Structure formats: structure tokens, C-alpha cells
Amino acid sequence: MRNVFAHRDARARPPVQRPDVAPAVTRRWRQRLASPAPLAASESFQLLADYGIPVAPTLPAASLPEAITAAEWIGWPVVLKTAAVGVAHKSDAGGVRLGIVDAGMLAAAYAEMSRSLGPEVTVSAMVPPGPELALGIVRDPQFGPLVMAGAGGVLVELLADRVFGLPPLDETRAQDMLGRLKARRLLDGFRGTPASNVATVASAIVRLSALAADAGDLISGLDINPLIAGPSGCVAVDVLVAHEHPG
């Protein structure tokens, strides 16, 4: 009966109003996702940004001088991450260094990381700590592309606190998804932490659903983890995109 009433309520809602995404943006990314070359980390961040999802300022680098230049442009402190293809869990592989405050620290971190994981890295701005969520796109064989929201961070797989929605989504439907998460309580403030701006998290889900509707047939998996929430908004600090070209 609960499902019957939920179906009734869903049918009574007005049609979804899509967020504004320029047709040229959709065409460009469909063309890119249809190509066989894997997306670089910087491209994955740009894909999110083009769909209006807030991302941490991030630049690619393939050498120490490039990494230092990137850090100086972004502003210290920065985060250094490996951009090696196929490394899904960067922290577990030693591919993340936080709180790098100067060129000396960056040189030491880059030397160690490049020895084990190769020279390709990204340099990102540090984001203030806050509740960590995970967003994503998964492809279901029956329903097609689905949008996922859940608890994020290094415990994402252990907690298994996640919900799914069928795109496109609007703010109301995105808020409903968040409301079904155990991690939703963290966004309201927990043990003295400030409340997060939940509306911006819902907006990120809506924007991600637009991407899923536009190009989900070309995306085999997309993971934003973590998406860090806070009083002023939310920011995607890591993203992994897997795609399959039609050929």
C-alpha cells in the first residue's frame, strides 16, 4: 500500500522542469563520450562544471614544475591526486595528499606519488570539511540510467546508504531522495557542526539528472565521491567517469 500511495503522489506532481543546459554543451559532450579515449580527470571535472555542478578548482599536471604552477594559480593550500587511469580508490593506493601549503611540500608529495603511480596528477583547491556525500549515475538494464545519492567518503561501500532516482529529476524529487538517506541528518548539523545548505545539494542532484538524461546512454558509470556539503553550498572534490563508445 505504501508503494501504491507513493505512485499516486508521483503521478500528481507537475512535469519536471529541466535545468538550462545549452544544446551545444550537450552535443559537445555526447561527441566526446562517444569517442574511445578515456576521460582525463580534468575533463571529468569540466563535464560536471558544464552541467552546473560545483567543483573544486582543479588543474592537470604531468611534471613537478606544472604542478607548482597549478598550485600557485589555484592558491595554497592544495590537494595533490594521482590522475593515473584505472585507479578508482585513490586514497587506498596512496594517490591523495591533503593540505600541501608550499612548493617544498608539493615537491616531496609529487616525488613519492609519481614514483608509484606515474607523473599524471591533478592539483585542486582545499575544500573546508563538511558532511561527505556520494552522487553518481549507474546504468540499470531495465530502467536505463539512474541517479544515485548516498553517504560518501571512504566508508561509502561499507555503509551502503544510498537511494536511486529515475531522471530527469526536479528539486522536490531530489529533496525526497535525500530524505530517504540516513546521512540526511548530517546535513542539518550534528553534534555542534553547522547545518549544510541542503538546497544546493538537491540542485546538484537535479543537474546530475540532466546529464544522465542527456548522455546516460554513453556513460557506463559516474561517481562523485565525495561531494562535500557546507553552509555555503556543496562542492565535488573527486569524480570518476567511465564511458562506452558505440563502436
C-alpha atoms as a PDB file:
ATOM      1  CA  MET A   1       0.000   0.000   0.000  1.00  0.00           C
ATOM      2  CA  ARG A   2       2.885   2.359   0.718  1.00  0.00           C
ATOM      3  CA  ASN A   3       4.116   1.889  -2.843  1.00  0.00           C
ATOM      4  CA  VAL A   4       0.629   2.448  -4.228  1.00  0.00           C
ATOM      5  CA  PHE A   5       0.314   5.761  -2.391  1.00  0.00           C
ATOM      6  CA  ALA A   6       3.842   6.758  -3.460  1.00  0.00           C
ATOM      7  CA  HIS A   7       2.875   6.052  -7.067  1.00  0.00           C
ATOM      8  CA  ARG A   8      -0.268   8.146  -6.654  1.00  0.00           C
ATOM      9  CA  ASP A   9       1.723  11.061  -5.235  1.00  0.00           C
ATOM     10  CA  ALA A  10       4.309  10.834  -8.005  1.00  0.00           C
ATOM     11  CA  ARG A  11       1.619  10.964 -10.708  1.00  0.00           C
ATOM     12  CA  ALA A  12       0.098  14.055  -9.077  1.00  0.00           C
ATOM     13  CA  ARG A  13       3.315  16.050  -9.312  1.00  0.00           C
ATOM     14  CA  PRO A  14       3.775  18.532 -12.164  1.00  0.00           C
ATOM     15  CA  PRO A  15       6.109  17.630 -15.052  1.00  0.00           C
ATOM     16  CA  VAL A  16       9.816  18.055 -14.388  1.00  0.00           C
ATOM     17  CA  GLN A  17      11.308  21.375 -15.480  1.00  0.00           C
ATOM     18  CA  ARG A  18      14.800  20.690 -16.775  1.00  0.00           C
ATOM     19  CA  PRO A  19      17.669  22.984 -15.783  1.00  0.00           C
ATOM     20  CA  ASP A  20      19.000  25.146 -18.596  1.00  0.00           C
ATOM     21  CA  VAL A  21      21.850  23.419 -20.419  1.00  0.00           C
ATOM     22  CA  ALA A  22      22.936  24.843 -23.773  1.00  0.00           C
ATOM     23  CA  PRO A  23      22.333  22.390 -26.641  1.00  0.00           C
ATOM     24  CA  ALA A  24      25.904  22.999 -27.806  1.00  0.00           C
ATOM     25  CA  VAL A  25      27.175  21.724 -24.443  1.00  0.00           C
ATOM     26  CA  THR A  26      25.160  18.526 -24.776  1.00  0.00           C
ATOM     27  CA  ARG A  27      26.290  17.959 -28.362  1.00  0.00           C
ATOM     28  CA  ARG A  28      29.947  18.506 -27.463  1.00  0.00           C
ATOM     29  CA  TRP A  29      29.890  16.081 -24.549  1.00  0.00           C
ATOM     30  CA  ARG A  30      27.919  13.432 -26.412  1.00  0.00           C
ATOM     31  CA  GLN A  31      30.568  13.569 -29.118  1.00  0.00           C
ATOM     32  CA  ARG A  32      33.370  13.307 -26.548  1.00  0.00           C
ATOM     33  CA  LEU A  33      31.737  10.460 -24.627  1.00  0.00           C
ATOM     34  CA  ALA A  34      31.184   8.572 -27.878  1.00  0.00           C
ATOM     35  CA  SER A  35      34.938   8.522 -28.542  1.00  0.00           C
ATOM     36  CA  PRO A  36      37.035   5.602 -27.248  1.00  0.00           C
ATOM     37  CA  ALA A  37      39.628   7.691 -25.384  1.00  0.00           C
ATOM     38  CA  PRO A  38      39.137   7.632 -21.578  1.00  0.00           C
ATOM     39  CA  LEU A  39      38.243  10.966 -19.983  1.00  0.00           C
ATOM     40  CA  ALA A  40      41.129  12.651 -18.203  1.00  0.00           C
ATOM     41  CA  ALA A  41      40.457  13.750 -14.636  1.00  0.00           C
ATOM     42  CA  SER A  42      40.362  17.387 -15.712  1.00  0.00           C
ATOM     43  CA  GLU A  43      37.779  16.539 -18.392  1.00  0.00           C
ATOM     44  CA  SER A  44      35.581  14.778 -15.851  1.00  0.00           C
ATOM     45  CA  PHE A  45      35.582  17.887 -13.663  1.00  0.00           C
ATOM     46  CA  GLN A  46      34.787  20.045 -16.691  1.00  0.00           C
ATOM     47  CA  LEU A  47      31.852  17.781 -17.585  1.00  0.00           C
ATOM     48  CA  LEU A  48      30.328  18.398 -14.153  1.00  0.00           C
ATOM     49  CA  ALA A  49      31.031  22.127 -14.304  1.00  0.00           C
ATOM     50  CA  ASP A  50      29.406  22.429 -17.733  1.00  0.00           C
ATOM     51  CA  TYR A  51      26.244  20.924 -16.253  1.00  0.00           C
ATOM     52  CA  GLY A  52      26.280  23.394 -13.365  1.00  0.00           C
ATOM     53  CA  ILE A  53      27.569  21.089 -10.614  1.00  0.00           C
ATOM     54  CA  PRO A  54      30.009  22.978  -8.324  1.00  0.00           C
ATOM     55  CA  VAL A  55      33.522  21.526  -8.473  1.00  0.00           C
ATOM     56  CA  ALA A  56      36.747  22.276  -6.641  1.00  0.00           C
ATOM     57  CA  PRO A  57      39.113  24.310  -8.864  1.00  0.00           C
ATOM     58  CA  THR A  58      41.342  21.649 -10.416  1.00  0.00           C
ATOM     59  CA  LEU A  59      44.207  21.677 -12.916  1.00  0.00           C
ATOM     60  CA  PRO A  60      46.107  18.788 -14.513  1.00  0.00           C
ATOM     61  CA  ALA A  61      49.883  18.428 -14.340  1.00  0.00           C
ATOM     62  CA  ALA A  62      52.415  15.954 -15.689  1.00  0.00           C
ATOM     63  CA  SER A  63      55.579  17.261 -14.025  1.00  0.00           C
ATOM     64  CA  LEU A  64      56.636  18.995 -10.828  1.00  0.00           C
ATOM     65  CA  PRO A  65      57.008  22.443 -12.480  1.00  0.00           C
ATOM     66  CA  GLU A  66      53.488  22.099 -13.909  1.00  0.00           C
ATOM     67  CA  ALA A  67      52.140  21.058 -10.514  1.00  0.00           C
ATOM     68  CA  ILE A  68      53.770  24.047  -8.798  1.00  0.00           C
ATOM     69  CA  THR A  69      52.416  26.418 -11.446  1.00  0.00           C
ATOM     70  CA  ALA A  70      48.949  24.943 -10.972  1.00  0.00           C
ATOM     71  CA  ALA A  71      49.155  25.288  -7.185  1.00  0.00           C
ATOM     72  CA  GLU A  72      50.258  28.901  -7.408  1.00  0.00           C
ATOM     73  CA  TRP A  73      47.396  29.689  -9.778  1.00  0.00           C
ATOM     74  CA  ILE A  74      44.810  27.938  -7.556  1.00  0.00           C
ATOM     75  CA  GLY A  75      46.280  29.221  -4.293  1.00  0.00           C
ATOM     76  CA  TRP A  76      47.755  27.357  -1.323  1.00  0.00           C
ATOM     77  CA  PRO A  77      46.890  25.051   0.378  1.00  0.00           C
ATOM     78  CA  VAL A  78      46.161  22.466  -2.297  1.00  0.00           C
ATOM     79  CA  VAL A  79      45.406  18.777  -2.724  1.00  0.00           C
ATOM     80  CA  LEU A  80      47.547  16.558  -4.947  1.00  0.00           C
ATOM     81  CA  LYS A  81      45.877  13.497  -6.506  1.00  0.00           C
ATOM     82  CA  THR A  82      47.022  10.887  -8.943  1.00  0.00           C
ATOM     83  CA  ALA A  83      45.422  11.011 -12.391  1.00  0.00           C
ATOM     84  CA  ALA A  84      46.604   7.535 -13.348  1.00  0.00           C
ATOM     85  CA  VAL A  85      43.992   5.717 -15.424  1.00  0.00           C
ATOM     86  CA  GLY A  86      42.272   2.849 -13.634  1.00  0.00           C
ATOM     87  CA  VAL A  87      42.873   3.985 -10.049  1.00  0.00           C
ATOM     88  CA  ALA A  88      39.355   4.029  -8.632  1.00  0.00           C
ATOM     89  CA  HIS A  89      40.234   4.266  -4.916  1.00  0.00           C
ATOM     90  CA  LYS A  90      42.925   6.932  -4.903  1.00  0.00           C
ATOM     91  CA  SER A  91      43.271   7.126  -1.112  1.00  0.00           C
ATOM     92  CA  ASP A  92      43.816   3.377  -0.770  1.00  0.00           C
ATOM     93  CA  ALA A  93      46.514   3.498  -3.472  1.00  0.00           C
ATOM     94  CA  GLY A  94      48.386   6.380  -1.822  1.00  0.00           C
ATOM     95  CA  GLY A  95      47.219   8.738  -4.539  1.00  0.00           C
ATOM     96  CA  VAL A  96      45.936  11.622  -2.392  1.00  0.00           C
ATOM     97  CA  ARG A  97      47.904  14.214  -0.401  1.00  0.00           C
ATOM     98  CA  LEU A  98      45.936  16.853   1.517  1.00  0.00           C
ATOM     99  CA  GLY A  99      46.934  20.197   3.000  1.00  0.00           C
ATOM    100  CA  ILE A 100      50.001  20.959   0.879  1.00  0.00           C
ATOM    101  CA  VAL A 101      50.963  24.500   1.861  1.00  0.00           C
ATOM    102  CA  ASP A 102      54.086  25.302  -0.164  1.00  0.00           C
ATOM    103  CA  ALA A 103      56.312  24.219  -3.044  1.00  0.00           C
ATOM    104  CA  GLY A 104      58.574  22.158  -0.787  1.00  0.00           C
ATOM    105  CA  MET A 105      55.726  20.017   0.495  1.00  0.00           C
ATOM    106  CA  LEU A 106      54.401  19.685  -3.040  1.00  0.00           C
ATOM    107  CA  ALA A 107      57.781  18.555  -4.367  1.00  0.00           C
ATOM    108  CA  ALA A 108      58.066  15.833  -1.719  1.00  0.00           C
ATOM    109  CA  ALA A 109      54.498  14.619  -2.275  1.00  0.00           C
ATOM    110  CA  TYR A 110      54.854  14.653  -6.052  1.00  0.00           C
ATOM    111  CA  ALA A 111      58.142  12.729  -5.953  1.00  0.00           C
ATOM    112  CA  GLU A 112      56.630   9.941  -3.877  1.00  0.00           C
ATOM    113  CA  MET A 113      53.371   9.781  -5.833  1.00  0.00           C
ATOM    114  CA  SER A 114      54.975   9.861  -9.272  1.00  0.00           C
ATOM    115  CA  ARG A 115      57.330   7.005  -8.360  1.00  0.00           C
ATOM    116  CA  SER A 116      54.480   4.643  -7.558  1.00  0.00           C
ATOM    117  CA  LEU A 117      51.613   5.904  -9.712  1.00  0.00           C
ATOM    118  CA  GLY A 118      53.168   7.832 -12.593  1.00  0.00           C
ATOM    119  CA  PRO A 119      53.613  11.528 -13.417  1.00  0.00           C
ATOM    120  CA  GLU A 120      49.993  12.398 -14.262  1.00  0.00           C
ATOM    121  CA  VAL A 121      48.332  14.261 -11.378  1.00  0.00           C
ATOM    122  CA  THR A 122      45.741  16.879 -10.608  1.00  0.00           C
ATOM    123  CA  VAL A 123      46.118  19.835  -8.266  1.00  0.00           C
ATOM    124  CA  SER A 124      42.948  21.012  -6.533  1.00  0.00           C
ATOM    125  CA  ALA A 125      41.899  23.660  -4.054  1.00  0.00           C
ATOM    126  CA  MET A 126      41.365  22.552  -0.468  1.00  0.00           C
ATOM    127  CA  VAL A 127      37.682  22.445   0.466  1.00  0.00           C
ATOM    128  CA  PRO A 128      36.544  23.079   4.061  1.00  0.00           C
ATOM    129  CA  PRO A 129      35.472  19.879   5.848  1.00  0.00           C
ATOM    130  CA  GLY A 130      31.799  19.011   5.995  1.00  0.00           C
ATOM    131  CA  PRO A 131      29.356  16.135   5.551  1.00  0.00           C
ATOM    132  CA  GLU A 132      30.506  13.895   2.702  1.00  0.00           C
ATOM    133  CA  LEU A 133      28.002  12.538   0.208  1.00  0.00           C
ATOM    134  CA  ALA A 134      28.331  10.477  -2.944  1.00  0.00           C
ATOM    135  CA  LEU A 135      26.415  11.121  -6.156  1.00  0.00           C
ATOM    136  CA  GLY A 136      26.517   9.078  -9.308  1.00  0.00           C
ATOM    137  CA  ILE A 137      24.995   7.703 -12.462  1.00  0.00           C
ATOM    138  CA  VAL A 138      24.507   3.958 -12.883  1.00  0.00           C
ATOM    139  CA  ARG A 139      23.017   2.098 -15.803  1.00  0.00           C
ATOM    140  CA  ASP A 140      20.252  -0.359 -14.954  1.00  0.00           C
ATOM    141  CA  PRO A 141      19.491  -2.991 -17.619  1.00  0.00           C
ATOM    142  CA  GLN A 142      15.733  -2.496 -17.169  1.00  0.00           C
ATOM    143  CA  PHE A 143      15.329   1.197 -16.335  1.00  0.00           C
ATOM    144  CA  GLY A 144      18.376   2.666 -18.077  1.00  0.00           C
ATOM    145  CA  PRO A 145      20.447   5.477 -16.477  1.00  0.00           C
ATOM    146  CA  LEU A 146      19.633   6.115 -12.812  1.00  0.00           C
ATOM    147  CA  VAL A 147      20.862   8.845 -10.480  1.00  0.00           C
ATOM    148  CA  MET A 148      22.330   7.698  -7.167  1.00  0.00           C
ATOM    149  CA  ALA A 149      22.732   9.660  -3.945  1.00  0.00           C
ATOM    150  CA  GLY A 150      24.247   8.283  -0.774  1.00  0.00           C
ATOM    151  CA  ALA A 151      26.636   8.644   2.121  1.00  0.00           C
ATOM    152  CA  GLY A 152      30.124   9.399   0.815  1.00  0.00           C
ATOM    153  CA  GLY A 153      33.755   9.363   1.802  1.00  0.00           C
ATOM    154  CA  VAL A 154      35.944   6.325   2.380  1.00  0.00           C
ATOM    155  CA  LEU A 155      33.067   4.402   4.023  1.00  0.00           C
ATOM    156  CA  VAL A 156      30.716   4.665   1.026  1.00  0.00           C
ATOM    157  CA  GLU A 157      30.818   0.937   0.264  1.00  0.00           C
ATOM    158  CA  LEU A 158      30.672  -0.149   3.920  1.00  0.00           C
ATOM    159  CA  LEU A 159      27.665   1.973   4.871  1.00  0.00           C
ATOM    160  CA  ALA A 160      25.660   1.195   1.692  1.00  0.00           C
ATOM    161  CA  ASP A 161      23.389   4.151   2.481  1.00  0.00           C
ATOM    162  CA  ARG A 162      22.130   5.042  -0.989  1.00  0.00           C
ATOM    163  CA  VAL A 163      18.963   5.751  -2.949  1.00  0.00           C
ATOM    164  CA  PHE A 164      18.193   5.925  -6.656  1.00  0.00           C
ATOM    165  CA  GLY A 165      16.043   8.167  -8.827  1.00  0.00           C
ATOM    166  CA  LEU A 166      14.886   7.999 -12.436  1.00  0.00           C
ATOM    167  CA  PRO A 167      15.950  11.089 -14.413  1.00  0.00           C
ATOM    168  CA  PRO A 168      15.044  13.752 -15.101  1.00  0.00           C
ATOM    169  CA  LEU A 169      14.523  14.988 -11.538  1.00  0.00           C
ATOM    170  CA  ASP A 170      13.383  18.298 -10.088  1.00  0.00           C
ATOM    171  CA  GLU A 171      14.092  19.926  -6.719  1.00  0.00           C
ATOM    172  CA  THR A 172      11.155  18.209  -4.995  1.00  0.00           C
ATOM    173  CA  ARG A 173      12.146  14.762  -6.206  1.00  0.00           C
ATOM    174  CA  ALA A 174      15.805  15.413  -5.311  1.00  0.00           C
ATOM    175  CA  GLN A 175      14.804  16.505  -1.802  1.00  0.00           C
ATOM    176  CA  ASP A 176      12.738  13.323  -1.465  1.00  0.00           C
ATOM    177  CA  MET A 177      15.804  11.254  -2.385  1.00  0.00           C
ATOM    178  CA  LEU A 178      17.893  12.989   0.263  1.00  0.00           C
ATOM    179  CA  GLY A 179      15.137  12.485   2.815  1.00  0.00           C
ATOM    180  CA  ARG A 180      15.406   8.710   2.412  1.00  0.00           C
ATOM    181  CA  LEU A 181      19.098   8.689   3.391  1.00  0.00           C
ATOM    182  CA  LYS A 182      20.333   8.036   6.923  1.00  0.00           C
ATOM    183  CA  ALA A 183      23.073  10.571   6.147  1.00  0.00           C
ATOM    184  CA  ARG A 184      20.401  13.258   5.675  1.00  0.00           C
ATOM    185  CA  ARG A 185      20.619  14.068   9.413  1.00  0.00           C
ATOM    186  CA  LEU A 186      24.229  15.167   8.975  1.00  0.00           C
ATOM    187  CA  LEU A 187      23.125  17.952   6.622  1.00  0.00           C
ATOM    188  CA  ASP A 188      21.014  19.543   9.357  1.00  0.00           C
ATOM    189  CA  GLY A 189      24.004  19.837  11.683  1.00  0.00           C
ATOM    190  CA  PHE A 190      25.193  17.135  14.057  1.00  0.00           C
ATOM    191  CA  ARG A 191      26.921  17.485  17.428  1.00  0.00           C
ATOM    192  CA  GLY A 192      27.658  21.150  17.033  1.00  0.00           C
ATOM    193  CA  THR A 193      28.502  21.179  13.336  1.00  0.00           C
ATOM    194  CA  PRO A 194      26.734  23.859  11.272  1.00  0.00           C
ATOM    195  CA  ALA A 195      23.800  22.950   9.055  1.00  0.00           C
ATOM    196  CA  SER A 196      24.577  22.485   5.372  1.00  0.00           C
ATOM    197  CA  ASN A 197      22.834  24.213   2.502  1.00  0.00           C
ATOM    198  CA  VAL A 198      20.583  21.307   1.513  1.00  0.00           C
ATOM    199  CA  ALA A 199      19.082  23.200  -1.434  1.00  0.00           C
ATOM    200  CA  THR A 200      22.465  23.267  -3.186  1.00  0.00           C
ATOM    201  CA  VAL A 201      22.851  19.509  -2.718  1.00  0.00           C
ATOM    202  CA  ALA A 202      19.397  18.958  -4.217  1.00  0.00           C
ATOM    203  CA  SER A 203      20.350  21.265  -7.091  1.00  0.00           C
ATOM    204  CA  ALA A 204      23.482  19.180  -7.762  1.00  0.00           C
ATOM    205  CA  ILE A 205      21.288  16.057  -7.949  1.00  0.00           C
ATOM    206  CA  VAL A 206      18.947  17.807 -10.387  1.00  0.00           C
ATOM    207  CA  ARG A 207      21.891  18.893 -12.550  1.00  0.00           C
ATOM    208  CA  LEU A 208      23.346  15.397 -12.499  1.00  0.00           C
ATOM    209  CA  SER A 209      19.976  14.019 -13.571  1.00  0.00           C
ATOM    210  CA  ALA A 210      20.039  16.350 -16.590  1.00  0.00           C
ATOM    211  CA  LEU A 211      23.418  14.885 -17.554  1.00  0.00           C
ATOM    212  CA  ALA A 212      22.017  11.375 -17.112  1.00  0.00           C
ATOM    213  CA  ALA A 213      19.046  12.215 -19.321  1.00  0.00           C
ATOM    214  CA  ASP A 214      21.253  13.803 -21.997  1.00  0.00           C
ATOM    215  CA  ALA A 215      24.132  11.318 -22.134  1.00  0.00           C
ATOM    216  CA  GLY A 216      23.381   8.434 -19.793  1.00  0.00           C
ATOM    217  CA  ASP A 217      23.311   6.027 -22.717  1.00  0.00           C
ATOM    218  CA  LEU A 218      27.009   6.775 -23.250  1.00  0.00           C
ATOM    219  CA  ILE A 219      28.033   6.619 -19.564  1.00  0.00           C
ATOM    220  CA  SER A 220      28.584   3.206 -18.002  1.00  0.00           C
ATOM    221  CA  GLY A 221      29.294   4.740 -14.593  1.00  0.00           C
ATOM    222  CA  LEU A 222      29.901   8.130 -12.978  1.00  0.00           C
ATOM    223  CA  ASP A 223      30.975   8.557  -9.357  1.00  0.00           C
ATOM    224  CA  ILE A 224      31.260  11.831  -7.455  1.00  0.00           C
ATOM    225  CA  ASN A 225      32.836  10.960  -4.113  1.00  0.00           C
ATOM    226  CA  PRO A 226      32.997  12.918  -2.044  1.00  0.00           C
ATOM    227  CA  LEU A 227      30.615  15.779  -2.587  1.00  0.00           C
ATOM    228  CA  ILE A 228      31.348  17.932   0.454  1.00  0.00           C
ATOM    229  CA  ALA A 229      28.427  19.931   1.803  1.00  0.00           C
ATOM    230  CA  GLY A 230      28.574  23.031   3.983  1.00  0.00           C
ATOM    231  CA  PRO A 231      26.651  26.149   4.999  1.00  0.00           C
ATOM    232  CA  SER A 232      27.588  27.994   1.789  1.00  0.00           C
ATOM    233  CA  GLY A 233      26.941  25.131  -0.625  1.00  0.00           C
ATOM    234  CA  CYS A 234      28.394  21.867  -1.871  1.00  0.00           C
ATOM    235  CA  VAL A 235      31.490  21.035  -3.922  1.00  0.00           C
ATOM    236  CA  ALA A 236      32.507  17.928  -5.848  1.00  0.00           C
ATOM    237  CA  VAL A 237      36.121  17.175  -4.978  1.00  0.00           C
ATOM    238  CA  ASP A 238      36.612  13.899  -6.868  1.00  0.00           C
ATOM    239  CA  VAL A 239      34.898  12.365  -9.890  1.00  0.00           C
ATOM    240  CA  LEU A 240      35.379   9.241 -11.983  1.00  0.00           C
ATOM    241  CA  VAL A 241      33.621   8.794 -15.339  1.00  0.00           C
ATOM    242  CA  ALA A 242      33.531   5.539 -17.293  1.00  0.00           C
ATOM    243  CA  HIS A 243      32.021   5.601 -20.762  1.00  0.00           C
ATOM    244  CA  GLU A 244      31.427   3.228 -23.625  1.00  0.00           C
ATOM    245  CA  HIS A 245      31.661   4.372 -27.226  1.00  0.00           C
ATOM    246  CA  PRO A 246      29.020   2.982 -29.595  1.00  0.00           C
ATOM    247  CA  GLY A 247      31.561   1.214 -31.771  1.00  0.00           C
END
